[in-house]
Amino acid sequence: MGYKRAGYEVIGNCEIDEKINAMYVANFHPRYNFRMSIEDLPKQDLPEELLNLDILDGSPPCSTFSMAGNREADWGKKKKFKEGQAEQVLSDLFFDFINVAEKLQPKVVVAENVKGLILGAAKGYMNLIIKRFDEAGYKCQIFLLNSATMGVPQMRERVFVIAKRKDLNYPKLALNFNERPICYGEFAEETGISINKERALYRRWTRRIPSDNSVGDTVARTEKGKISSFTSPYIKKNEVCNTLTSGGEYVRYDIPATISERDMKCIQTFPQDYNFCGNDVQYVCGMSVPPIMMECIAKEIYKQWLSVE
């Protein structure tokens, strides 16, 4: 969606999950659809049109690098997402993606991941990624970007690895975004999804104070010995929203309600008429790059690199 907004033509995709792939096809109708693991894509007899692309973009699954997950404990282990597709070693998929780049030789490769990829022991993985890109014929730049500075009403920090093919004399890419922050109150619905008064969440909401950033803060302050609900942030009208994740409850501070699907789409900058094909809206949005964030990057790549060839 971000590339389409930036004026690009998106001609193909590769997605292992059947439901997510069907959603992608329903919305974008790609000429080349590969419903398979990225590990298997280089083994295919690929059409010539996919060679020398302007941009090859990928977001290898990032849960094993997330600061909220098990990190090192899960590296090298086979895992799968909740839909139940084939198990994969998620920490290896970035290298499988680079194998695709090596075969297709696009001018530019863009890969997105979580901030945790450049922190702590994961820096070793990043060094290996840079080395593998070099072997495949690419020179990398690493950017840590916050979507809140890019016209997205959400504090979402993500790492972007942007690699240019070595034979192309592109200058160093500069990505400096300074859009004004967009607070939740600028687009919030009047009502959200009401919290049942019988739930513990409602009782905790009534005990909130302005300094609480999440229901977990309220719990820690009012319920001795309990540590829970830190994945349930308060969404305040005068602040930019927290990172929208695929799980957890986003609780409105102003009224006893969780945010609506309409507001989730706004926070993630998805079109209101996007066809989710029955998939959970929060899950899809939480697992996605905000389209406007990607649009900003794609426009700069065109402006600074592709348009000056």
C-alpha atoms as a PDB file:
ATOM      1  CA  MET A   1       0.000   0.000   0.000  1.00  0.00           C
ATOM      2  CA  GLY A   2       2.847   2.399   0.833  1.00  0.00           C
ATOM      3  CA  TYR A   3       4.561   1.819  -2.500  1.00  0.00           C
ATOM      4  CA  LYS A   4       1.299   2.302  -4.395  1.00  0.00           C
ATOM      5  CA  ARG A   5       0.761   5.598  -2.554  1.00  0.00           C
ATOM      6  CA  ALA A   6       4.293   6.618  -3.607  1.00  0.00           C
ATOM      7  CA  GLY A   7       3.541   5.944  -7.289  1.00  0.00           C
ATOM      8  CA  TYR A   8       5.207   2.556  -7.729  1.00  0.00           C
ATOM      9  CA  GLU A   9       3.702  -0.452  -9.466  1.00  0.00           C
ATOM     10  CA  VAL A  10       3.773  -3.505  -7.178  1.00  0.00           C
ATOM     11  CA  ILE A  11       3.905  -6.543  -9.457  1.00  0.00           C
ATOM     12  CA  GLY A  12       4.431  -9.528  -7.173  1.00  0.00           C
ATOM     13  CA  ASN A  13       4.514 -10.949  -3.675  1.00  0.00           C
ATOM     14  CA  CYS A  14       5.674 -13.955  -1.683  1.00  0.00           C
ATOM     15  CA  GLU A  15       3.742 -14.998   1.434  1.00  0.00           C
ATOM     16  CA  ILE A  16       3.731 -18.316   3.291  1.00  0.00           C
ATOM     17  CA  ASP A  17       0.434 -17.910   5.147  1.00  0.00           C
ATOM     18  CA  GLU A  18      -2.645 -18.877   3.151  1.00  0.00           C
ATOM     19  CA  LYS A  19      -5.057 -16.427   4.819  1.00  0.00           C
ATOM     20  CA  ILE A  20      -2.697 -13.464   4.693  1.00  0.00           C
ATOM     21  CA  ASN A  21      -1.791 -14.244   1.090  1.00  0.00           C
ATOM     22  CA  ALA A  22      -5.473 -14.385   0.100  1.00  0.00           C
ATOM     23  CA  MET A  23      -5.964 -10.971   1.717  1.00  0.00           C
ATOM     24  CA  TYR A  24      -2.992  -9.564  -0.216  1.00  0.00           C
ATOM     25  CA  VAL A  25      -4.309 -10.942  -3.523  1.00  0.00           C
ATOM     26  CA  ALA A  26      -7.818  -9.590  -2.843  1.00  0.00           C
ATOM     27  CA  ASN A  27      -6.489  -6.066  -2.297  1.00  0.00           C
ATOM     28  CA  PHE A  28      -3.630  -5.816  -4.806  1.00  0.00           C
ATOM     29  CA  HIS A  29      -4.138  -8.454  -7.533  1.00  0.00           C
ATOM     30  CA  PRO A  30      -0.386  -8.997  -8.177  1.00  0.00           C
ATOM     31  CA  ARG A  31       0.683 -10.430 -11.519  1.00  0.00           C
ATOM     32  CA  TYR A  32       3.068 -12.795  -9.768  1.00  0.00           C
ATOM     33  CA  ASN A  33       1.829 -14.429  -6.584  1.00  0.00           C
ATOM     34  CA  PHE A  34       4.025 -16.958  -4.785  1.00  0.00           C
ATOM     35  CA  ARG A  35       2.214 -18.612  -1.874  1.00  0.00           C
ATOM     36  CA  MET A  36       5.257 -20.287  -0.336  1.00  0.00           C
ATOM     37  CA  SER A  37       8.123 -19.820   2.058  1.00  0.00           C
ATOM     38  CA  ILE A  38      10.724 -17.248   1.049  1.00  0.00           C
ATOM     39  CA  GLU A  39      13.211 -20.125   1.457  1.00  0.00           C
ATOM     40  CA  ASP A  40      11.716 -21.786  -1.635  1.00  0.00           C
ATOM     41  CA  LEU A  41      11.374 -18.734  -3.883  1.00  0.00           C
ATOM     42  CA  PRO A  42      14.945 -18.785  -5.290  1.00  0.00           C
ATOM     43  CA  LYS A  43      14.388 -22.403  -6.361  1.00  0.00           C
ATOM     44  CA  GLN A  44      11.558 -21.367  -8.701  1.00  0.00           C
ATOM     45  CA  ASP A  45      11.839 -20.675 -12.422  1.00  0.00           C
ATOM     46  CA  LEU A  46      11.110 -16.975 -12.039  1.00  0.00           C
ATOM     47  CA  PRO A  47       9.876 -14.710 -14.867  1.00  0.00           C
ATOM     48  CA  GLU A  48      12.372 -12.339 -16.463  1.00  0.00           C
ATOM     49  CA  GLU A  49      10.236  -9.341 -15.464  1.00  0.00           C
ATOM     50  CA  LEU A  50      11.285  -9.916 -11.844  1.00  0.00           C
ATOM     51  CA  LEU A  51      14.957  -9.421 -12.666  1.00  0.00           C
ATOM     52  CA  ASN A  52      16.501  -5.955 -12.225  1.00  0.00           C
ATOM     53  CA  LEU A  53      13.519  -4.565 -10.283  1.00  0.00           C
ATOM     54  CA  ASP A  54      13.746  -1.012  -9.017  1.00  0.00           C
ATOM     55  CA  ILE A  55      13.025  -2.222  -5.475  1.00  0.00           C
ATOM     56  CA  LEU A  56      12.720  -5.581  -3.760  1.00  0.00           C
ATOM     57  CA  ASP A  57      11.063  -5.089  -0.376  1.00  0.00           C
ATOM     58  CA  GLY A  58      10.696  -7.549   2.489  1.00  0.00           C
ATOM     59  CA  SER A  59       9.899  -7.693   6.194  1.00  0.00           C
ATOM     60  CA  PRO A  60      11.293 -10.978   7.517  1.00  0.00           C
ATOM     61  CA  PRO A  61       9.368 -12.068  10.659  1.00  0.00           C
ATOM     62  CA  CYS A  62      10.862 -10.219  13.593  1.00  0.00           C
ATOM     63  CA  SER A  63       9.446 -11.803  16.754  1.00  0.00           C
ATOM     64  CA  THR A  64      12.747 -13.448  17.684  1.00  0.00           C
ATOM     65  CA  PHE A  65      14.445 -10.036  17.763  1.00  0.00           C
ATOM     66  CA  SER A  66      11.675  -8.142  19.551  1.00  0.00           C
ATOM     67  CA  MET A  67      12.565  -6.644  22.937  1.00  0.00           C
ATOM     68  CA  ALA A  68       9.192  -7.977  24.158  1.00  0.00           C
ATOM     69  CA  GLY A  69      10.025 -11.586  23.269  1.00  0.00           C
ATOM     70  CA  ASN A  70      12.493 -14.294  24.287  1.00  0.00           C
ATOM     71  CA  ARG A  71      15.216 -12.992  21.937  1.00  0.00           C
ATOM     72  CA  GLU A  72      18.383 -15.124  22.209  1.00  0.00           C
ATOM     73  CA  ALA A  73      16.463 -18.051  23.718  1.00  0.00           C
ATOM     74  CA  ASP A  74      14.509 -18.444  20.457  1.00  0.00           C
ATOM     75  CA  TRP A  75      17.334 -17.869  17.962  1.00  0.00           C
ATOM     76  CA  GLY A  76      17.888 -20.929  15.775  1.00  0.00           C
ATOM     77  CA  LYS A  77      14.639 -22.601  16.884  1.00  0.00           C
ATOM     78  CA  LYS A  78      11.757 -23.474  14.617  1.00  0.00           C
ATOM     79  CA  LYS A  79       8.652 -21.397  15.291  1.00  0.00           C
ATOM     80  CA  LYS A  80       5.374 -20.587  13.592  1.00  0.00           C
ATOM     81  CA  PHE A  81       2.708 -17.904  13.761  1.00  0.00           C
ATOM     82  CA  LYS A  82      -0.765 -18.538  15.148  1.00  0.00           C
ATOM     83  CA  GLU A  83      -2.364 -19.383  11.792  1.00  0.00           C
ATOM     84  CA  GLY A  84      -0.489 -22.696  11.850  1.00  0.00           C
ATOM     85  CA  GLN A  85       1.621 -22.629   8.706  1.00  0.00           C
ATOM     86  CA  ALA A  86       4.855 -24.600   8.341  1.00  0.00           C
ATOM     87  CA  GLU A  87       7.454 -24.154  11.052  1.00  0.00           C
ATOM     88  CA  GLN A  88      10.472 -22.025  10.150  1.00  0.00           C
ATOM     89  CA  VAL A  89      13.678 -20.878  11.814  1.00  0.00           C
ATOM     90  CA  LEU A  90      12.571 -17.239  11.943  1.00  0.00           C
ATOM     91  CA  SER A  91      16.031 -15.877  12.730  1.00  0.00           C
ATOM     92  CA  ASP A  92      17.262 -17.348   9.403  1.00  0.00           C
ATOM     93  CA  LEU A  93      14.592 -15.784   7.184  1.00  0.00           C
ATOM     94  CA  PHE A  94      16.462 -12.505   6.740  1.00  0.00           C
ATOM     95  CA  PHE A  95      19.248 -14.475   5.043  1.00  0.00           C
ATOM     96  CA  ASP A  96      16.705 -16.352   2.893  1.00  0.00           C
ATOM     97  CA  PHE A  97      15.406 -12.953   1.791  1.00  0.00           C
ATOM     98  CA  ILE A  98      18.938 -11.880   0.826  1.00  0.00           C
ATOM     99  CA  ASN A  99      19.217 -15.077  -1.246  1.00  0.00           C
ATOM    100  CA  VAL A 100      16.218 -13.840  -3.246  1.00  0.00           C
ATOM    101  CA  ALA A 101      17.922 -10.472  -3.742  1.00  0.00           C
ATOM    102  CA  GLU A 102      21.062 -12.227  -4.934  1.00  0.00           C
ATOM    103  CA  LYS A 103      19.069 -14.112  -7.569  1.00  0.00           C
ATOM    104  CA  LEU A 104      16.879 -11.225  -8.752  1.00  0.00           C
ATOM    105  CA  GLN A 105      19.538  -8.476  -8.497  1.00  0.00           C
ATOM    106  CA  PRO A 106      17.179  -5.515  -7.986  1.00  0.00           C
ATOM    107  CA  LYS A 107      18.657  -2.035  -7.973  1.00  0.00           C
ATOM    108  CA  VAL A 108      17.580  -1.451  -4.364  1.00  0.00           C
ATOM    109  CA  VAL A 109      16.638  -3.777  -1.516  1.00  0.00           C
ATOM    110  CA  VAL A 110      14.579  -2.576   1.437  1.00  0.00           C
ATOM    111  CA  ALA A 111      14.143  -4.713   4.554  1.00  0.00           C
ATOM    112  CA  GLU A 112      12.231  -3.705   7.693  1.00  0.00           C
ATOM    113  CA  ASN A 113      12.579  -5.109  11.193  1.00  0.00           C
ATOM    114  CA  VAL A 114      12.183  -4.290  14.876  1.00  0.00           C
ATOM    115  CA  LYS A 115      14.474  -1.984  16.834  1.00  0.00           C
ATOM    116  CA  GLY A 116      15.758  -5.005  18.753  1.00  0.00           C
ATOM    117  CA  LEU A 117      17.765  -6.081  15.710  1.00  0.00           C
ATOM    118  CA  ILE A 118      20.364  -3.390  16.452  1.00  0.00           C
ATOM    119  CA  LEU A 119      20.445  -3.851  20.242  1.00  0.00           C
ATOM    120  CA  GLY A 120      22.476  -6.149  22.462  1.00  0.00           C
ATOM    121  CA  ALA A 121      23.545  -9.528  21.145  1.00  0.00           C
ATOM    122  CA  ALA A 122      21.406  -9.033  18.011  1.00  0.00           C
ATOM    123  CA  LYS A 123      24.084  -6.636  16.705  1.00  0.00           C
ATOM    124  CA  GLY A 124      26.002  -9.773  15.748  1.00  0.00           C
ATOM    125  CA  TYR A 125      23.095 -10.808  13.509  1.00  0.00           C
ATOM    126  CA  MET A 126      23.083  -7.360  11.933  1.00  0.00           C
ATOM    127  CA  ASN A 127      26.780  -7.641  11.176  1.00  0.00           C
ATOM    128  CA  LEU A 128      26.144 -10.997   9.490  1.00  0.00           C
ATOM    129  CA  ILE A 129      23.280  -9.448   7.493  1.00  0.00           C
ATOM    130  CA  ILE A 130      25.545  -6.650   6.251  1.00  0.00           C
ATOM    131  CA  LYS A 131      28.239  -9.187   5.336  1.00  0.00           C
ATOM    132  CA  ARG A 132      25.734 -11.363   3.441  1.00  0.00           C
ATOM    133  CA  PHE A 133      24.420  -8.340   1.535  1.00  0.00           C
ATOM    134  CA  ASP A 134      28.013  -7.518   0.593  1.00  0.00           C
ATOM    135  CA  GLU A 135      28.511 -11.048  -0.745  1.00  0.00           C
ATOM    136  CA  ALA A 136      25.284 -10.696  -2.761  1.00  0.00           C
ATOM    137  CA  GLY A 137      26.574  -7.489  -4.375  1.00  0.00           C
ATOM    138  CA  TYR A 138      25.006  -4.779  -2.192  1.00  0.00           C
ATOM    139  CA  LYS A 139      26.131  -1.956   0.070  1.00  0.00           C
ATOM    140  CA  CYS A 140      23.889  -1.278   3.089  1.00  0.00           C
ATOM    141  CA  GLN A 141      22.726   1.680   5.098  1.00  0.00           C
ATOM    142  CA  ILE A 142      20.908   1.162   8.402  1.00  0.00           C
ATOM    143  CA  PHE A 143      18.167   3.567   9.554  1.00  0.00           C
ATOM    144  CA  LEU A 144      16.218   3.669  12.823  1.00  0.00           C
ATOM    145  CA  LEU A 145      13.036   5.583  12.053  1.00  0.00           C
ATOM    146  CA  ASN A 146      10.029   6.613  14.136  1.00  0.00           C
ATOM    147  CA  SER A 147       6.727   6.666  12.261  1.00  0.00           C
ATOM    148  CA  ALA A 148       5.503   9.559  14.453  1.00  0.00           C
ATOM    149  CA  THR A 149       7.886  11.876  12.539  1.00  0.00           C
ATOM    150  CA  MET A 150       6.538  10.627   9.192  1.00  0.00           C
ATOM    151  CA  GLY A 151       2.850  11.551   9.313  1.00  0.00           C
ATOM    152  CA  VAL A 152       1.733   8.406  11.167  1.00  0.00           C
ATOM    153  CA  PRO A 153      -0.278   8.948  14.390  1.00  0.00           C
ATOM    154  CA  GLN A 154       1.744   6.337  16.258  1.00  0.00           C
ATOM    155  CA  MET A 155       5.077   6.021  18.082  1.00  0.00           C
ATOM    156  CA  ARG A 156       6.544   3.109  16.153  1.00  0.00           C
ATOM    157  CA  GLU A 157      10.318   2.702  15.900  1.00  0.00           C
ATOM    158  CA  ARG A 158      11.550   0.350  13.206  1.00  0.00           C
ATOM    159  CA  VAL A 159      14.884  -0.499  11.622  1.00  0.00           C
ATOM    160  CA  PHE A 160      15.184  -0.251   7.839  1.00  0.00           C
ATOM    161  CA  VAL A 161      18.084  -1.857   6.000  1.00  0.00           C
ATOM    162  CA  ILE A 162      18.347  -0.159   2.609  1.00  0.00           C
ATOM    163  CA  ALA A 163      20.861  -1.683   0.228  1.00  0.00           C
ATOM    164  CA  LYS A 164      21.973  -0.400  -3.190  1.00  0.00           C
ATOM    165  CA  ARG A 165      23.544  -2.594  -5.858  1.00  0.00           C
ATOM    166  CA  LYS A 166      27.293  -1.955  -5.987  1.00  0.00           C
ATOM    167  CA  ASP A 167      27.439  -1.267  -9.740  1.00  0.00           C
ATOM    168  CA  LEU A 168      25.079   1.721  -9.366  1.00  0.00           C
ATOM    169  CA  ASN A 169      26.682   5.056  -8.546  1.00  0.00           C
ATOM    170  CA  TYR A 170      24.037   6.231  -6.110  1.00  0.00           C
ATOM    171  CA  PRO A 171      25.019   8.799  -3.450  1.00  0.00           C
ATOM    172  CA  LYS A 172      24.489   8.135   0.233  1.00  0.00           C
ATOM    173  CA  LEU A 173      20.766   8.077   1.014  1.00  0.00           C
ATOM    174  CA  ALA A 174      19.515  10.711   3.468  1.00  0.00           C
ATOM    175  CA  LEU A 175      16.304  10.049   5.401  1.00  0.00           C
ATOM    176  CA  ASN A 176      15.292  12.946   7.637  1.00  0.00           C
ATOM    177  CA  PHE A 177      11.611  13.201   8.519  1.00  0.00           C
ATOM    178  CA  ASN A 178      10.145  15.953  10.677  1.00  0.00           C
ATOM    179  CA  GLU A 179       6.362  15.796  10.299  1.00  0.00           C
ATOM    180  CA  ARG A 180       4.423  17.198  13.256  1.00  0.00           C
ATOM    181  CA  PRO A 181       3.089  14.663  15.802  1.00  0.00           C
ATOM    182  CA  ILE A 182      -0.554  13.612  15.377  1.00  0.00           C
ATOM    183  CA  CYS A 183      -2.306  13.015  18.705  1.00  0.00           C
ATOM    184  CA  TYR A 184      -5.099  10.475  19.161  1.00  0.00           C
ATOM    185  CA  GLY A 185      -7.696  13.145  19.858  1.00  0.00           C
ATOM    186  CA  GLU A 186      -7.365  14.500  16.308  1.00  0.00           C
ATOM    187  CA  PHE A 187      -9.097  11.469  14.805  1.00  0.00           C
ATOM    188  CA  ALA A 188     -10.618   9.436  17.674  1.00  0.00           C
ATOM    189  CA  GLU A 189     -14.190   8.217  17.472  1.00  0.00           C
ATOM    190  CA  GLU A 190     -16.582   9.519  20.108  1.00  0.00           C
ATOM    191  CA  THR A 191     -17.082   6.022  21.473  1.00  0.00           C
ATOM    192  CA  GLY A 192     -14.947   2.895  21.390  1.00  0.00           C
ATOM    193  CA  ILE A 193     -15.783  -0.664  22.413  1.00  0.00           C
ATOM    194  CA  SER A 194     -17.284  -0.397  25.893  1.00  0.00           C
ATOM    195  CA  ILE A 195     -15.628  -2.355  28.692  1.00  0.00           C
ATOM    196  CA  ASN A 196     -18.072  -4.597  30.551  1.00  0.00           C
ATOM    197  CA  LYS A 197     -18.494  -3.332  34.108  1.00  0.00           C
ATOM    198  CA  GLU A 198     -18.127  -6.882  35.396  1.00  0.00           C
ATOM    199  CA  ARG A 199     -14.553  -7.141  34.116  1.00  0.00           C
ATOM    200  CA  ALA A 200     -11.497  -6.522  36.279  1.00  0.00           C
ATOM    201  CA  LEU A 201     -10.347  -4.184  33.514  1.00  0.00           C
ATOM    202  CA  TYR A 202     -13.244  -1.828  34.236  1.00  0.00           C
ATOM    203  CA  ARG A 203     -12.445  -1.754  37.960  1.00  0.00           C
ATOM    204  CA  ARG A 204      -8.808  -1.016  37.165  1.00  0.00           C
ATOM    205  CA  TRP A 205      -9.789   1.721  34.696  1.00  0.00           C
ATOM    206  CA  THR A 206     -11.717   3.526  37.453  1.00  0.00           C
ATOM    207  CA  ARG A 207      -8.500   3.616  39.541  1.00  0.00           C
ATOM    208  CA  ARG A 208      -6.331   5.189  36.853  1.00  0.00           C
ATOM    209  CA  ILE A 209      -4.429   8.438  37.440  1.00  0.00           C
ATOM    210  CA  PRO A 210      -2.833  10.747  34.824  1.00  0.00           C
ATOM    211  CA  SER A 211       0.691   9.399  35.426  1.00  0.00           C
ATOM    212  CA  ASP A 212      -0.392   5.825  34.567  1.00  0.00           C
ATOM    213  CA  ASN A 213       0.715   4.930  31.038  1.00  0.00           C
ATOM    214  CA  SER A 214      -0.884   1.489  31.014  1.00  0.00           C
ATOM    215  CA  VAL A 215      -3.349  -0.639  32.942  1.00  0.00           C
ATOM    216  CA  GLY A 216      -0.219  -2.376  34.232  1.00  0.00           C
ATOM    217  CA  ASP A 217       0.840   0.850  35.942  1.00  0.00           C
ATOM    218  CA  THR A 218      -2.565   1.027  37.630  1.00  0.00           C
ATOM    219  CA  VAL A 219      -2.285  -2.601  38.725  1.00  0.00           C
ATOM    220  CA  ALA A 220       1.242  -2.127  40.099  1.00  0.00           C
ATOM    221  CA  ARG A 221       0.119   0.934  42.054  1.00  0.00           C
ATOM    222  CA  THR A 222      -3.180  -0.408  43.460  1.00  0.00           C
ATOM    223  CA  GLU A 223      -2.882  -4.198  43.644  1.00  0.00           C
ATOM    224  CA  LYS A 224       0.039  -5.313  45.777  1.00  0.00           C
ATOM    225  CA  GLY A 225       2.040  -8.249  44.493  1.00  0.00           C
ATOM    226  CA  LYS A 226       0.434  -8.245  41.035  1.00  0.00           C
ATOM    227  CA  ILE A 227       2.400  -7.546  37.869  1.00  0.00           C
ATOM    228  CA  SER A 228       0.171  -7.705  34.797  1.00  0.00           C
ATOM    229  CA  SER A 229      -1.591  -5.791  32.024  1.00  0.00           C
ATOM    230  CA  PHE A 230       1.486  -3.928  30.744  1.00  0.00           C
ATOM    231  CA  THR A 231       0.377  -4.892  27.221  1.00  0.00           C
ATOM    232  CA  SER A 232      -2.756  -2.779  27.786  1.00  0.00           C
ATOM    233  CA  PRO A 233      -1.617   0.833  27.319  1.00  0.00           C
ATOM    234  CA  TYR A 234      -3.850   3.805  27.988  1.00  0.00           C
ATOM    235  CA  ILE A 235      -4.549   5.791  24.841  1.00  0.00           C
ATOM    236  CA  LYS A 236      -4.755   9.480  25.725  1.00  0.00           C
ATOM    237  CA  LYS A 237      -6.259  12.102  23.430  1.00  0.00           C
ATOM    238  CA  ASN A 238      -3.449  14.611  23.974  1.00  0.00           C
ATOM    239  CA  GLU A 239      -0.679  12.125  23.147  1.00  0.00           C
ATOM    240  CA  VAL A 240       0.566  10.182  20.123  1.00  0.00           C
ATOM    241  CA  CYS A 241      -0.543   6.556  20.328  1.00  0.00           C
ATOM    242  CA  ASN A 242       1.754   3.781  21.467  1.00  0.00           C
ATOM    243  CA  THR A 243       3.023   1.195  18.986  1.00  0.00           C
ATOM    244  CA  LEU A 244       0.046  -0.829  17.768  1.00  0.00           C
ATOM    245  CA  THR A 245       0.885  -4.509  18.275  1.00  0.00           C
ATOM    246  CA  SER A 246      -0.912  -7.636  17.093  1.00  0.00           C
ATOM    247  CA  GLY A 247      -2.203  -8.423  20.588  1.00  0.00           C
ATOM    248  CA  GLY A 248      -3.157  -6.763  23.855  1.00  0.00           C
ATOM    249  CA  GLU A 249      -5.949  -4.299  24.619  1.00  0.00           C
ATOM    250  CA  TYR A 250      -5.649  -0.581  23.875  1.00  0.00           C
ATOM    251  CA  VAL A 251      -7.667   1.162  26.560  1.00  0.00           C
ATOM    252  CA  ARG A 252      -8.970   4.689  26.149  1.00  0.00           C
ATOM    253  CA  TYR A 253      -8.080   6.930  29.074  1.00  0.00           C
ATOM    254  CA  ASP A 254     -11.040   9.283  28.548  1.00  0.00           C
ATOM    255  CA  ILE A 255     -13.857   6.715  28.545  1.00  0.00           C
ATOM    256  CA  PRO A 256     -14.192   3.085  29.751  1.00  0.00           C
ATOM    257  CA  ALA A 257     -13.627   1.533  26.348  1.00  0.00           C
ATOM    258  CA  THR A 258     -11.015  -0.052  24.132  1.00  0.00           C
ATOM    259  CA  ILE A 259     -10.238   1.565  20.789  1.00  0.00           C
ATOM    260  CA  SER A 260     -12.345   0.655  17.775  1.00  0.00           C
ATOM    261  CA  GLU A 261     -11.221  -1.113  14.598  1.00  0.00           C
ATOM    262  CA  ARG A 262     -11.817   2.151  12.777  1.00  0.00           C
ATOM    263  CA  ASP A 263      -9.297   3.866  15.068  1.00  0.00           C
ATOM    264  CA  MET A 264      -6.811   0.993  14.684  1.00  0.00           C
ATOM    265  CA  LYS A 265      -6.880   1.522  10.916  1.00  0.00           C
ATOM    266  CA  CYS A 266      -6.278   5.246  11.427  1.00  0.00           C
ATOM    267  CA  ILE A 267      -3.376   4.604  13.816  1.00  0.00           C
ATOM    268  CA  GLN A 268      -1.747   2.248  11.297  1.00  0.00           C
ATOM    269  CA  THR A 269      -2.765   4.419   8.293  1.00  0.00           C
ATOM    270  CA  PHE A 270      -4.709   1.640   6.576  1.00  0.00           C
ATOM    271  CA  PRO A 271      -7.609   2.679   4.300  1.00  0.00           C
ATOM    272  CA  GLN A 272     -10.984   2.289   6.005  1.00  0.00           C
ATOM    273  CA  ASP A 273     -12.202   0.201   3.055  1.00  0.00           C
ATOM    274  CA  TYR A 274      -9.241  -2.209   3.106  1.00  0.00           C
ATOM    275  CA  ASN A 275     -10.493  -5.781   2.678  1.00  0.00           C
ATOM    276  CA  PHE A 276      -9.225  -7.786   5.659  1.00  0.00           C
ATOM    277  CA  CYS A 277     -10.923 -10.941   4.307  1.00  0.00           C
ATOM    278  CA  GLY A 278     -12.067 -11.969   7.775  1.00  0.00           C
ATOM    279  CA  ASN A 279      -8.611 -11.647   9.354  1.00  0.00           C
ATOM    280  CA  ASP A 280      -8.350  -9.876  12.710  1.00  0.00           C
ATOM    281  CA  VAL A 281      -7.849  -6.158  12.044  1.00  0.00           C
ATOM    282  CA  GLN A 282      -5.551  -5.612  15.029  1.00  0.00           C
ATOM    283  CA  TYR A 283      -3.404  -8.621  14.132  1.00  0.00           C
ATOM    284  CA  VAL A 284      -2.941  -7.502  10.524  1.00  0.00           C
ATOM    285  CA  CYS A 285      -2.267  -3.872  11.453  1.00  0.00           C
ATOM    286  CA  GLY A 286       0.084  -4.812  14.273  1.00  0.00           C
ATOM    287  CA  MET A 287       2.146  -7.044  11.990  1.00  0.00           C
ATOM    288  CA  SER A 288       2.378  -4.451   9.211  1.00  0.00           C
ATOM    289  CA  VAL A 289       4.551  -1.502   8.277  1.00  0.00           C
ATOM    290  CA  PRO A 290       2.309   1.602   8.344  1.00  0.00           C
ATOM    291  CA  PRO A 291       1.624   2.410   4.665  1.00  0.00           C
ATOM    292  CA  ILE A 292       2.372   6.141   5.095  1.00  0.00           C
ATOM    293  CA  MET A 293       5.702   5.286   6.758  1.00  0.00           C
ATOM    294  CA  MET A 294       6.642   3.150   3.755  1.00  0.00           C
ATOM    295  CA  GLU A 295       5.368   5.797   1.352  1.00  0.00           C
ATOM    296  CA  CYS A 296       7.765   8.369   2.830  1.00  0.00           C
ATOM    297  CA  ILE A 297      10.753   6.054   2.405  1.00  0.00           C
ATOM    298  CA  ALA A 298       9.766   4.964  -1.100  1.00  0.00           C
ATOM    299  CA  LYS A 299       9.406   8.573  -2.254  1.00  0.00           C
ATOM    300  CA  GLU A 300      12.886   9.447  -0.981  1.00  0.00           C
ATOM    301  CA  ILE A 301      14.436   6.417  -2.693  1.00  0.00           C
ATOM    302  CA  TYR A 302      12.854   7.522  -5.966  1.00  0.00           C
ATOM    303  CA  LYS A 303      13.785  11.181  -5.493  1.00  0.00           C
ATOM    304  CA  GLN A 304      17.407  10.602  -4.456  1.00  0.00           C
ATOM    305  CA  TRP A 305      18.253   7.487  -6.461  1.00  0.00           C
ATOM    306  CA  LEU A 306      15.889   6.107  -9.087  1.00  0.00           C
ATOM    307  CA  SER A 307      14.831   9.426 -10.658  1.00  0.00           C
ATOM    308  CA  VAL A 308      18.419  10.521 -11.377  1.00  0.00           C
ATOM    309  CA  GLU A 309      19.544   7.503 -13.397  1.00  0.00           C
END
